[in-house]
Amino acid sequence: MGIRFRRRSATPSALASLVFVAAVAAACGSGGSGATTATLSTRPVLPTQTLPGPAGLAGGSQPQPDGYMWLLARVPGAADLHLLNLTTAKVTQVVPATASSVVVAQSPSGLVGVGLATGTTGALELRNGSSGVLVSTVPLGAPVKDVFAGADGTTFYVLDGTPTSASVTLVNSQTGKASVSVPVPLDTVAVAVDPAGQTLFTAGSSGTIDQIAIGSGTVTGSYKIGVTPIQLAISPSGTTLYVLRSTATADNVAVVDVATEAQVRALPAPAHSVGVEASLDGHSLYLIVGTGTYGNIQVFALPG
């Protein structure tokens, strides 16, 4: 069952000091039931850091070891990539992007993958991680919906689909070519992959998480997380899945134990969250916030 947080109206300047109420959910049941109960704490939860972002912020890559993070901003008819210095909280580069860019991810090797989606086709752009310069473009048979950078530093997992089919295509960034495609549920909106590159996690608009063996395409687990998912992130250890999700009144992040397929808690998320990324040390979540008029990144410490 989804856990709801009351959303306050906010102006761009107010977003840096939004106060949330923590919710801790204890899992009840097993075998992938996803059932949870929750109690509310009166302790406010504040971001440990709020970083400015561009208007129209639509997504961001995982924070990198060098202290940078790529952001994708979209306005009608145009898109830009912004390189954010997480230490100084300043954008150091702005690179024009293809207008049909919808999502950005960055490999541990530094290469950036930008997913493109037109009405009927899609592609993955591979870009230099330091300059944002286009290296190559890998055509795909359907519009891109999500991109996940594998922990191996080479593979990008690209969710693409049409109203009648959906799959995750593996793209080798060294050869610049697509290889196998893994069929996924038609309503899949976001994907993540375990660090070993063996298990694909998909989030469906109906609120279902599926675990799929990449080698065989077999569904090895399926469970509900309650409300509409927006994006997935996974801990560096691969043991915890973070599901950014939206309710009628607010956004929150479901924390899911991969081994038990159960939600263990729910964390607050800022209004208008469009993405979530886990820090490399596993101690923080980066919530990406964006509308047509403002954007920022809010960092929240994970409970110990």
C-alpha atoms as a PDB file:
ATOM      1  CA  MET A   1       0.000   0.000   0.000  1.00  0.00           C
ATOM      2  CA  GLY A   2       1.344   3.412  -0.936  1.00  0.00           C
ATOM      3  CA  ILE A   3       2.435   5.829   1.792  1.00  0.00           C
ATOM      4  CA  ARG A   4       1.324   9.372   1.251  1.00  0.00           C
ATOM      5  CA  PHE A   5       2.901  12.652   2.195  1.00  0.00           C
ATOM      6  CA  ARG A   6       1.040  15.909   2.088  1.00  0.00           C
ATOM      7  CA  ARG A   7       2.527  18.199  -0.557  1.00  0.00           C
ATOM      8  CA  ARG A   8       2.950  21.915   0.031  1.00  0.00           C
ATOM      9  CA  SER A   9       2.921  24.446  -2.711  1.00  0.00           C
ATOM     10  CA  ALA A  10       6.403  25.726  -3.346  1.00  0.00           C
ATOM     11  CA  THR A  11       8.216  28.430  -5.201  1.00  0.00           C
ATOM     12  CA  PRO A  12      11.696  27.854  -6.680  1.00  0.00           C
ATOM     13  CA  SER A  13      13.357  29.704  -3.808  1.00  0.00           C
ATOM     14  CA  ALA A  14      11.374  27.756  -1.232  1.00  0.00           C
ATOM     15  CA  LEU A  15      12.412  24.367  -2.604  1.00  0.00           C
ATOM     16  CA  ALA A  16      15.837  24.614  -1.003  1.00  0.00           C
ATOM     17  CA  SER A  17      14.273  24.507   2.458  1.00  0.00           C
ATOM     18  CA  LEU A  18      11.334  22.177   2.042  1.00  0.00           C
ATOM     19  CA  VAL A  19      10.522  20.174   5.165  1.00  0.00           C
ATOM     20  CA  PHE A  20       9.206  16.640   4.900  1.00  0.00           C
ATOM     21  CA  VAL A  21       7.890  14.201   7.456  1.00  0.00           C
ATOM     22  CA  ALA A  22       9.701  10.875   7.518  1.00  0.00           C
ATOM     23  CA  ALA A  23       7.778   7.678   7.013  1.00  0.00           C
ATOM     24  CA  VAL A  24       9.244   4.351   7.981  1.00  0.00           C
ATOM     25  CA  ALA A  25       7.550   1.249   6.626  1.00  0.00           C
ATOM     26  CA  ALA A  26       8.089  -2.173   8.150  1.00  0.00           C
ATOM     27  CA  ALA A  27       7.534  -5.042   5.744  1.00  0.00           C
ATOM     28  CA  CYS A  28       4.802  -7.496   6.607  1.00  0.00           C
ATOM     29  CA  GLY A  29       4.497 -10.750   4.754  1.00  0.00           C
ATOM     30  CA  SER A  30       7.009 -12.316   2.379  1.00  0.00           C
ATOM     31  CA  GLY A  31       7.270 -14.002  -0.987  1.00  0.00           C
ATOM     32  CA  GLY A  32       6.955 -10.746  -2.862  1.00  0.00           C
ATOM     33  CA  SER A  33       3.632  -9.625  -1.393  1.00  0.00           C
ATOM     34  CA  GLY A  34       4.873  -6.058  -1.169  1.00  0.00           C
ATOM     35  CA  ALA A  35       2.457  -5.431   1.708  1.00  0.00           C
ATOM     36  CA  THR A  36       3.582  -2.829   4.209  1.00  0.00           C
ATOM     37  CA  THR A  37       2.455  -0.949   7.246  1.00  0.00           C
ATOM     38  CA  ALA A  38       3.722   2.478   8.196  1.00  0.00           C
ATOM     39  CA  THR A  39       4.003   4.836  11.073  1.00  0.00           C
ATOM     40  CA  LEU A  40       4.738   8.538  10.767  1.00  0.00           C
ATOM     41  CA  SER A  41       7.477  10.296  12.652  1.00  0.00           C
ATOM     42  CA  THR A  42       7.213  13.940  13.626  1.00  0.00           C
ATOM     43  CA  ARG A  43      10.905  14.414  12.905  1.00  0.00           C
ATOM     44  CA  PRO A  44      11.335  16.665   9.849  1.00  0.00           C
ATOM     45  CA  VAL A  45      13.506  15.360   7.047  1.00  0.00           C
ATOM     46  CA  LEU A  46      15.615  17.997   5.357  1.00  0.00           C
ATOM     47  CA  PRO A  47      17.917  17.591   2.363  1.00  0.00           C
ATOM     48  CA  THR A  48      21.568  17.613   3.369  1.00  0.00           C
ATOM     49  CA  GLN A  49      22.285  19.623   0.241  1.00  0.00           C
ATOM     50  CA  THR A  50      20.279  21.400  -2.455  1.00  0.00           C
ATOM     51  CA  LEU A  51      21.993  22.004  -5.776  1.00  0.00           C
ATOM     52  CA  PRO A  52      20.635  24.416  -8.388  1.00  0.00           C
ATOM     53  CA  GLY A  53      19.534  23.032 -11.735  1.00  0.00           C
ATOM     54  CA  PRO A  54      18.201  24.464 -14.978  1.00  0.00           C
ATOM     55  CA  ALA A  55      14.565  25.152 -15.755  1.00  0.00           C
ATOM     56  CA  GLY A  56      12.964  22.232 -17.527  1.00  0.00           C
ATOM     57  CA  LEU A  57      15.172  19.725 -15.685  1.00  0.00           C
ATOM     58  CA  ALA A  58      14.061  16.311 -16.944  1.00  0.00           C
ATOM     59  CA  GLY A  59      16.671  13.947 -15.514  1.00  0.00           C
ATOM     60  CA  GLY A  60      20.228  13.357 -14.462  1.00  0.00           C
ATOM     61  CA  SER A  61      22.967  10.745 -14.441  1.00  0.00           C
ATOM     62  CA  GLN A  62      24.425   8.980 -11.429  1.00  0.00           C
ATOM     63  CA  PRO A  63      26.919  11.179  -9.532  1.00  0.00           C
ATOM     64  CA  GLN A  64      30.439  10.268 -10.676  1.00  0.00           C
ATOM     65  CA  PRO A  65      33.654   9.634  -8.703  1.00  0.00           C
ATOM     66  CA  ASP A  66      35.112  12.874 -10.074  1.00  0.00           C
ATOM     67  CA  GLY A  67      32.338  14.856  -8.379  1.00  0.00           C
ATOM     68  CA  TYR A  68      30.298  15.700 -11.485  1.00  0.00           C
ATOM     69  CA  MET A  69      26.812  14.875 -12.703  1.00  0.00           C
ATOM     70  CA  TRP A  70      25.210  15.396 -16.119  1.00  0.00           C
ATOM     71  CA  LEU A  71      21.727  16.929 -16.238  1.00  0.00           C
ATOM     72  CA  LEU A  72      19.233  16.965 -19.101  1.00  0.00           C
ATOM     73  CA  ALA A  73      17.002  20.023 -19.490  1.00  0.00           C
ATOM     74  CA  ARG A  74      14.131  20.160 -21.971  1.00  0.00           C
ATOM     75  CA  VAL A  75      12.082  23.078 -23.224  1.00  0.00           C
ATOM     76  CA  PRO A  76       9.638  22.977 -26.149  1.00  0.00           C
ATOM     77  CA  GLY A  77      11.618  22.176 -29.280  1.00  0.00           C
ATOM     78  CA  ALA A  78      15.069  22.075 -27.647  1.00  0.00           C
ATOM     79  CA  ALA A  79      17.235  20.291 -25.094  1.00  0.00           C
ATOM     80  CA  ASP A  80      20.582  20.895 -23.370  1.00  0.00           C
ATOM     81  CA  LEU A  81      23.049  18.892 -21.314  1.00  0.00           C
ATOM     82  CA  HIS A  82      24.449  20.589 -18.212  1.00  0.00           C
ATOM     83  CA  LEU A  83      27.572  19.384 -16.390  1.00  0.00           C
ATOM     84  CA  LEU A  84      27.130  20.078 -12.679  1.00  0.00           C
ATOM     85  CA  ASN A  85      30.061  20.257 -10.263  1.00  0.00           C
ATOM     86  CA  LEU A  86      28.656  18.697  -7.096  1.00  0.00           C
ATOM     87  CA  THR A  87      31.338  20.274  -4.921  1.00  0.00           C
ATOM     88  CA  THR A  88      30.938  23.885  -6.035  1.00  0.00           C
ATOM     89  CA  ALA A  89      27.229  23.535  -6.960  1.00  0.00           C
ATOM     90  CA  LYS A  90      27.927  25.248 -10.268  1.00  0.00           C
ATOM     91  CA  VAL A  91      27.250  24.229 -13.865  1.00  0.00           C
ATOM     92  CA  THR A  92      30.585  24.194 -15.694  1.00  0.00           C
ATOM     93  CA  GLN A  93      29.365  23.351 -19.195  1.00  0.00           C
ATOM     94  CA  VAL A  94      26.180  23.595 -21.232  1.00  0.00           C
ATOM     95  CA  VAL A  95      26.087  21.457 -24.376  1.00  0.00           C
ATOM     96  CA  PRO A  96      23.285  21.614 -26.960  1.00  0.00           C
ATOM     97  CA  ALA A  97      21.517  18.245 -27.164  1.00  0.00           C
ATOM     98  CA  THR A  98      19.293  16.672 -29.774  1.00  0.00           C
ATOM     99  CA  ALA A  99      15.761  18.035 -29.398  1.00  0.00           C
ATOM    100  CA  SER A 100      14.313  14.526 -29.013  1.00  0.00           C
ATOM    101  CA  SER A 101      16.536  13.709 -25.996  1.00  0.00           C
ATOM    102  CA  VAL A 102      14.471  12.241 -23.162  1.00  0.00           C
ATOM    103  CA  VAL A 103      16.888  10.639 -20.684  1.00  0.00           C
ATOM    104  CA  VAL A 104      20.571  10.699 -19.711  1.00  0.00           C
ATOM    105  CA  ALA A 105      22.816   8.153 -17.970  1.00  0.00           C
ATOM    106  CA  GLN A 106      26.553   7.912 -17.377  1.00  0.00           C
ATOM    107  CA  SER A 107      28.687   4.796 -17.301  1.00  0.00           C
ATOM    108  CA  PRO A 108      31.303   4.248 -14.565  1.00  0.00           C
ATOM    109  CA  SER A 109      33.858   4.493 -17.397  1.00  0.00           C
ATOM    110  CA  GLY A 110      32.680   8.076 -17.954  1.00  0.00           C
ATOM    111  CA  LEU A 111      30.807   7.699 -21.229  1.00  0.00           C
ATOM    112  CA  VAL A 112      27.409   9.395 -21.352  1.00  0.00           C
ATOM    113  CA  GLY A 113      24.350   7.768 -22.919  1.00  0.00           C
ATOM    114  CA  VAL A 114      21.473   9.979 -24.078  1.00  0.00           C
ATOM    115  CA  GLY A 115      18.218   8.327 -25.114  1.00  0.00           C
ATOM    116  CA  LEU A 116      16.257   9.775 -28.045  1.00  0.00           C
ATOM    117  CA  ALA A 117      12.567   9.358 -28.797  1.00  0.00           C
ATOM    118  CA  THR A 118      10.578  10.572 -31.765  1.00  0.00           C
ATOM    119  CA  GLY A 119       7.057   9.473 -32.594  1.00  0.00           C
ATOM    120  CA  THR A 120       8.137   6.138 -34.061  1.00  0.00           C
ATOM    121  CA  THR A 121      11.913   5.675 -33.673  1.00  0.00           C
ATOM    122  CA  GLY A 122      14.656   5.971 -31.111  1.00  0.00           C
ATOM    123  CA  ALA A 123      18.412   5.931 -30.653  1.00  0.00           C
ATOM    124  CA  LEU A 124      21.130   6.036 -28.030  1.00  0.00           C
ATOM    125  CA  GLU A 125      23.702   8.798 -28.369  1.00  0.00           C
ATOM    126  CA  LEU A 126      27.112   8.041 -26.862  1.00  0.00           C
ATOM    127  CA  ARG A 127      28.861  11.218 -25.696  1.00  0.00           C
ATOM    128  CA  ASN A 128      32.220  12.084 -24.174  1.00  0.00           C
ATOM    129  CA  GLY A 129      31.868  12.259 -20.390  1.00  0.00           C
ATOM    130  CA  SER A 130      34.085  15.338 -20.022  1.00  0.00           C
ATOM    131  CA  SER A 131      33.003  17.506 -22.939  1.00  0.00           C
ATOM    132  CA  GLY A 132      29.589  16.135 -23.900  1.00  0.00           C
ATOM    133  CA  VAL A 133      30.753  15.885 -27.523  1.00  0.00           C
ATOM    134  CA  LEU A 134      28.880  13.298 -29.587  1.00  0.00           C
ATOM    135  CA  VAL A 135      30.932  10.139 -30.199  1.00  0.00           C
ATOM    136  CA  SER A 136      28.440   7.913 -32.011  1.00  0.00           C
ATOM    137  CA  THR A 137      24.735   7.193 -32.401  1.00  0.00           C
ATOM    138  CA  VAL A 138      23.209   3.729 -32.068  1.00  0.00           C
ATOM    139  CA  PRO A 139      19.834   3.434 -33.881  1.00  0.00           C
ATOM    140  CA  LEU A 140      17.032   1.567 -32.127  1.00  0.00           C
ATOM    141  CA  GLY A 141      13.741   0.281 -33.468  1.00  0.00           C
ATOM    142  CA  ALA A 142      11.461   2.192 -31.104  1.00  0.00           C
ATOM    143  CA  PRO A 143      11.362   5.391 -29.017  1.00  0.00           C
ATOM    144  CA  VAL A 144      13.560   5.312 -25.903  1.00  0.00           C
ATOM    145  CA  LYS A 145      11.845   5.530 -22.524  1.00  0.00           C
ATOM    146  CA  ASP A 146      14.724   4.967 -20.103  1.00  0.00           C
ATOM    147  CA  VAL A 147      18.472   4.250 -20.067  1.00  0.00           C
ATOM    148  CA  PHE A 148      20.479   2.530 -17.331  1.00  0.00           C
ATOM    149  CA  ALA A 149      24.287   2.461 -17.271  1.00  0.00           C
ATOM    150  CA  GLY A 150      25.670  -0.937 -16.265  1.00  0.00           C
ATOM    151  CA  ALA A 151      28.252  -1.305 -13.514  1.00  0.00           C
ATOM    152  CA  ASP A 152      30.643  -3.002 -15.969  1.00  0.00           C
ATOM    153  CA  GLY A 153      31.396   0.392 -17.530  1.00  0.00           C
ATOM    154  CA  THR A 154      30.560  -0.883 -21.009  1.00  0.00           C
ATOM    155  CA  THR A 155      26.887  -1.789 -21.265  1.00  0.00           C
ATOM    156  CA  PHE A 156      23.926   0.560 -21.515  1.00  0.00           C
ATOM    157  CA  TYR A 157      20.498  -0.977 -20.970  1.00  0.00           C
ATOM    158  CA  VAL A 158      17.980   0.908 -23.105  1.00  0.00           C
ATOM    159  CA  LEU A 159      14.230   0.613 -22.554  1.00  0.00           C
ATOM    160  CA  ASP A 160      12.471   1.246 -25.852  1.00  0.00           C
ATOM    161  CA  GLY A 161       8.987   0.463 -27.019  1.00  0.00           C
ATOM    162  CA  THR A 162       5.806   1.177 -28.922  1.00  0.00           C
ATOM    163  CA  PRO A 163       2.139   0.848 -27.889  1.00  0.00           C
ATOM    164  CA  THR A 164       2.322  -2.844 -28.874  1.00  0.00           C
ATOM    165  CA  SER A 165       5.772  -3.999 -27.728  1.00  0.00           C
ATOM    166  CA  ALA A 166       8.554  -3.142 -25.279  1.00  0.00           C
ATOM    167  CA  SER A 167      12.072  -4.416 -24.688  1.00  0.00           C
ATOM    168  CA  VAL A 168      15.405  -3.585 -23.093  1.00  0.00           C
ATOM    169  CA  THR A 169      18.221  -3.482 -25.650  1.00  0.00           C
ATOM    170  CA  LEU A 170      21.811  -3.983 -24.524  1.00  0.00           C
ATOM    171  CA  VAL A 171      24.204  -1.529 -26.186  1.00  0.00           C
ATOM    172  CA  ASN A 172      27.960  -2.107 -26.064  1.00  0.00           C
ATOM    173  CA  SER A 173      29.518   1.330 -25.736  1.00  0.00           C
ATOM    174  CA  GLN A 174      32.945   0.100 -26.908  1.00  0.00           C
ATOM    175  CA  THR A 175      31.668  -1.194 -30.243  1.00  0.00           C
ATOM    176  CA  GLY A 176      28.793   1.271 -30.514  1.00  0.00           C
ATOM    177  CA  LYS A 177      26.407  -1.534 -31.415  1.00  0.00           C
ATOM    178  CA  ALA A 178      23.212  -3.025 -30.014  1.00  0.00           C
ATOM    179  CA  SER A 179      23.217  -6.715 -29.155  1.00  0.00           C
ATOM    180  CA  VAL A 180      20.440  -8.701 -27.488  1.00  0.00           C
ATOM    181  CA  SER A 181      16.987  -7.410 -26.587  1.00  0.00           C
ATOM    182  CA  VAL A 182      15.074  -8.648 -23.554  1.00  0.00           C
ATOM    183  CA  PRO A 183      11.260  -8.482 -23.792  1.00  0.00           C
ATOM    184  CA  VAL A 184       9.657  -6.609 -20.887  1.00  0.00           C
ATOM    185  CA  PRO A 185       6.054  -5.881 -19.850  1.00  0.00           C
ATOM    186  CA  LEU A 186       4.291  -3.440 -22.147  1.00  0.00           C
ATOM    187  CA  ASP A 187       3.681  -0.881 -19.385  1.00  0.00           C
ATOM    188  CA  THR A 188       7.352  -0.691 -18.290  1.00  0.00           C
ATOM    189  CA  VAL A 189       8.389   2.896 -17.572  1.00  0.00           C
ATOM    190  CA  ALA A 190      11.769   2.470 -15.853  1.00  0.00           C
ATOM    191  CA  VAL A 191      14.567  -0.080 -15.525  1.00  0.00           C
ATOM    192  CA  ALA A 192      17.595  -0.898 -13.369  1.00  0.00           C
ATOM    193  CA  VAL A 193      20.167  -3.698 -13.467  1.00  0.00           C
ATOM    194  CA  ASP A 194      22.075  -5.377 -10.644  1.00  0.00           C
ATOM    195  CA  PRO A 195      25.855  -4.741 -10.485  1.00  0.00           C
ATOM    196  CA  ALA A 196      26.600  -8.250 -11.791  1.00  0.00           C
ATOM    197  CA  GLY A 197      24.607  -7.551 -14.955  1.00  0.00           C
ATOM    198  CA  GLN A 198      22.458 -10.647 -14.477  1.00  0.00           C
ATOM    199  CA  THR A 199      19.098  -9.334 -13.248  1.00  0.00           C
ATOM    200  CA  LEU A 200      16.937  -6.703 -14.879  1.00  0.00           C
ATOM    201  CA  PHE A 201      14.399  -4.843 -12.734  1.00  0.00           C
ATOM    202  CA  THR A 202      11.438  -3.265 -14.500  1.00  0.00           C
ATOM    203  CA  ALA A 203       8.810  -0.922 -13.067  1.00  0.00           C
ATOM    204  CA  GLY A 204       5.373  -0.912 -14.666  1.00  0.00           C
ATOM    205  CA  SER A 205       2.883   1.930 -14.638  1.00  0.00           C
ATOM    206  CA  SER A 206       0.490  -0.376 -12.777  1.00  0.00           C
ATOM    207  CA  GLY A 207       2.879  -0.417  -9.800  1.00  0.00           C
ATOM    208  CA  THR A 208       4.499  -3.807 -10.405  1.00  0.00           C
ATOM    209  CA  ILE A 209       8.204  -4.593 -10.160  1.00  0.00           C
ATOM    210  CA  ASP A 210       9.408  -7.548 -12.258  1.00  0.00           C
ATOM    211  CA  GLN A 211      12.794  -9.233 -11.893  1.00  0.00           C
ATOM    212  CA  ILE A 212      13.993 -10.736 -15.176  1.00  0.00           C
ATOM    213  CA  ALA A 213      17.038 -12.930 -15.818  1.00  0.00           C
ATOM    214  CA  ILE A 214      18.882 -11.152 -18.620  1.00  0.00           C
ATOM    215  CA  GLY A 215      20.418 -14.319 -20.020  1.00  0.00           C
ATOM    216  CA  SER A 216      17.138 -16.202 -20.483  1.00  0.00           C
ATOM    217  CA  GLY A 217      14.474 -13.492 -20.343  1.00  0.00           C
ATOM    218  CA  THR A 218      12.728 -15.466 -17.585  1.00  0.00           C
ATOM    219  CA  VAL A 219      10.712 -13.563 -14.992  1.00  0.00           C
ATOM    220  CA  THR A 220      12.138 -14.671 -11.651  1.00  0.00           C
ATOM    221  CA  GLY A 221      10.051 -12.437  -9.397  1.00  0.00           C
ATOM    222  CA  SER A 222       7.079 -10.085  -9.520  1.00  0.00           C
ATOM    223  CA  TYR A 223       5.608  -7.923  -6.773  1.00  0.00           C
ATOM    224  CA  LYS A 224       3.562  -4.770  -6.215  1.00  0.00           C
ATOM    225  CA  ILE A 225       4.957  -1.539  -4.807  1.00  0.00           C
ATOM    226  CA  GLY A 226       1.605   0.217  -4.588  1.00  0.00           C
ATOM    227  CA  VAL A 227       1.559   3.345  -6.718  1.00  0.00           C
ATOM    228  CA  THR A 228       2.756   4.706 -10.053  1.00  0.00           C
ATOM    229  CA  PRO A 229       6.565   4.410 -10.453  1.00  0.00           C
ATOM    230  CA  ILE A 230       8.607   7.172 -12.076  1.00  0.00           C
ATOM    231  CA  GLN A 231      12.188   5.873 -11.988  1.00  0.00           C
ATOM    232  CA  LEU A 232      14.374   3.186 -10.429  1.00  0.00           C
ATOM    233  CA  ALA A 233      17.789   3.275  -8.783  1.00  0.00           C
ATOM    234  CA  ILE A 234      19.772   0.466  -7.172  1.00  0.00           C
ATOM    235  CA  SER A 235      22.308   0.457  -4.356  1.00  0.00           C
ATOM    236  CA  PRO A 236      25.981  -0.158  -5.226  1.00  0.00           C
ATOM    237  CA  SER A 237      25.724  -3.527  -3.472  1.00  0.00           C
ATOM    238  CA  GLY A 238      22.698  -4.531  -5.544  1.00  0.00           C
ATOM    239  CA  THR A 239      20.747  -5.454  -2.426  1.00  0.00           C
ATOM    240  CA  THR A 240      18.338  -2.508  -2.357  1.00  0.00           C
ATOM    241  CA  LEU A 241      16.062  -1.066  -5.017  1.00  0.00           C
ATOM    242  CA  TYR A 242      14.827   2.529  -4.791  1.00  0.00           C
ATOM    243  CA  VAL A 243      11.503   3.227  -6.513  1.00  0.00           C
ATOM    244  CA  LEU A 244      10.587   6.875  -7.043  1.00  0.00           C
ATOM    245  CA  ARG A 245       6.809   6.890  -7.239  1.00  0.00           C
ATOM    246  CA  SER A 246       3.924   9.324  -7.403  1.00  0.00           C
ATOM    247  CA  THR A 247       0.619   9.395  -5.557  1.00  0.00           C
ATOM    248  CA  ALA A 248      -2.350  11.699  -5.956  1.00  0.00           C
ATOM    249  CA  THR A 249      -0.948  14.057  -3.322  1.00  0.00           C
ATOM    250  CA  ALA A 250       2.840  13.599  -3.202  1.00  0.00           C
ATOM    251  CA  ASP A 251       5.926  11.707  -4.292  1.00  0.00           C
ATOM    252  CA  ASN A 252       7.970   9.253  -2.242  1.00  0.00           C
ATOM    253  CA  VAL A 253      10.672   6.616  -2.599  1.00  0.00           C
ATOM    254  CA  ALA A 254       9.940   2.988  -1.796  1.00  0.00           C
ATOM    255  CA  VAL A 255      12.977   1.166  -0.408  1.00  0.00           C
ATOM    256  CA  VAL A 256      12.773  -2.472  -1.496  1.00  0.00           C
ATOM    257  CA  ASP A 257      14.851  -5.376  -0.200  1.00  0.00           C
ATOM    258  CA  VAL A 258      15.801  -7.311  -3.338  1.00  0.00           C
ATOM    259  CA  ALA A 259      16.260 -10.641  -1.536  1.00  0.00           C
ATOM    260  CA  THR A 260      12.827 -10.632   0.137  1.00  0.00           C
ATOM    261  CA  GLU A 261      11.024  -8.660  -2.602  1.00  0.00           C
ATOM    262  CA  ALA A 262       9.446  -6.540   0.137  1.00  0.00           C
ATOM    263  CA  GLN A 263       9.276  -2.824   0.819  1.00  0.00           C
ATOM    264  CA  VAL A 264      11.086  -2.085   4.058  1.00  0.00           C
ATOM    265  CA  ARG A 265      10.443   1.643   4.288  1.00  0.00           C
ATOM    266  CA  ALA A 266       9.250   4.688   2.373  1.00  0.00           C
ATOM    267  CA  LEU A 267      11.235   7.905   2.190  1.00  0.00           C
ATOM    268  CA  PRO A 268       9.877  11.360   1.390  1.00  0.00           C
ATOM    269  CA  ALA A 269      10.566  12.929  -1.983  1.00  0.00           C
ATOM    270  CA  PRO A 270      10.244  16.580  -3.021  1.00  0.00           C
ATOM    271  CA  ALA A 271       7.297  17.694  -5.088  1.00  0.00           C
ATOM    272  CA  HIS A 272       7.840  17.413  -8.863  1.00  0.00           C
ATOM    273  CA  SER A 273      10.587  14.797  -8.539  1.00  0.00           C
ATOM    274  CA  VAL A 274      11.490  13.411 -11.974  1.00  0.00           C
ATOM    275  CA  GLY A 275      14.402  11.134 -11.113  1.00  0.00           C
ATOM    276  CA  VAL A 276      16.337   9.353  -8.376  1.00  0.00           C
ATOM    277  CA  GLU A 277      19.980   8.276  -8.226  1.00  0.00           C
ATOM    278  CA  ALA A 278      21.937   6.509  -5.491  1.00  0.00           C
ATOM    279  CA  SER A 279      25.343   7.800  -4.440  1.00  0.00           C
ATOM    280  CA  LEU A 280      28.367   5.621  -5.142  1.00  0.00           C
ATOM    281  CA  ASP A 281      28.931   5.016  -1.425  1.00  0.00           C
ATOM    282  CA  GLY A 282      25.292   4.035  -0.901  1.00  0.00           C
ATOM    283  CA  HIS A 283      24.753   6.634   1.812  1.00  0.00           C
ATOM    284  CA  SER A 284      22.654   9.201  -0.058  1.00  0.00           C
ATOM    285  CA  LEU A 285      19.859   9.571  -2.574  1.00  0.00           C
ATOM    286  CA  TYR A 286      19.838  12.323  -5.183  1.00  0.00           C
ATOM    287  CA  LEU A 287      16.287  13.446  -5.981  1.00  0.00           C
ATOM    288  CA  ILE A 288      16.054  15.334  -9.271  1.00  0.00           C
ATOM    289  CA  VAL A 289      13.322  17.969  -9.258  1.00  0.00           C
ATOM    290  CA  GLY A 290      12.063  19.773 -12.320  1.00  0.00           C
ATOM    291  CA  THR A 291       9.241  21.700 -13.941  1.00  0.00           C
ATOM    292  CA  GLY A 292       9.089  23.971 -16.945  1.00  0.00           C
ATOM    293  CA  THR A 293      10.178  26.929 -14.814  1.00  0.00           C
ATOM    294  CA  TYR A 294      12.776  25.591 -12.355  1.00  0.00           C
ATOM    295  CA  GLY A 295      14.951  22.646 -11.395  1.00  0.00           C
ATOM    296  CA  ASN A 296      17.198  21.463  -8.581  1.00  0.00           C
ATOM    297  CA  ILE A 297      18.803  18.368  -7.077  1.00  0.00           C
ATOM    298  CA  GLN A 298      18.082  17.576  -3.435  1.00  0.00           C
ATOM    299  CA  VAL A 299      20.351  15.162  -1.567  1.00  0.00           C
ATOM    300  CA  PHE A 300      18.908  13.074   1.270  1.00  0.00           C
ATOM    301  CA  ALA A 301      20.862  10.875   3.669  1.00  0.00           C
ATOM    302  CA  LEU A 302      19.742   7.266   3.761  1.00  0.00           C
ATOM    303  CA  PRO A 303      18.881   5.775   7.152  1.00  0.00           C
ATOM    304  CA  GLY A 304      21.707   3.670   8.567  1.00  0.00           C
END
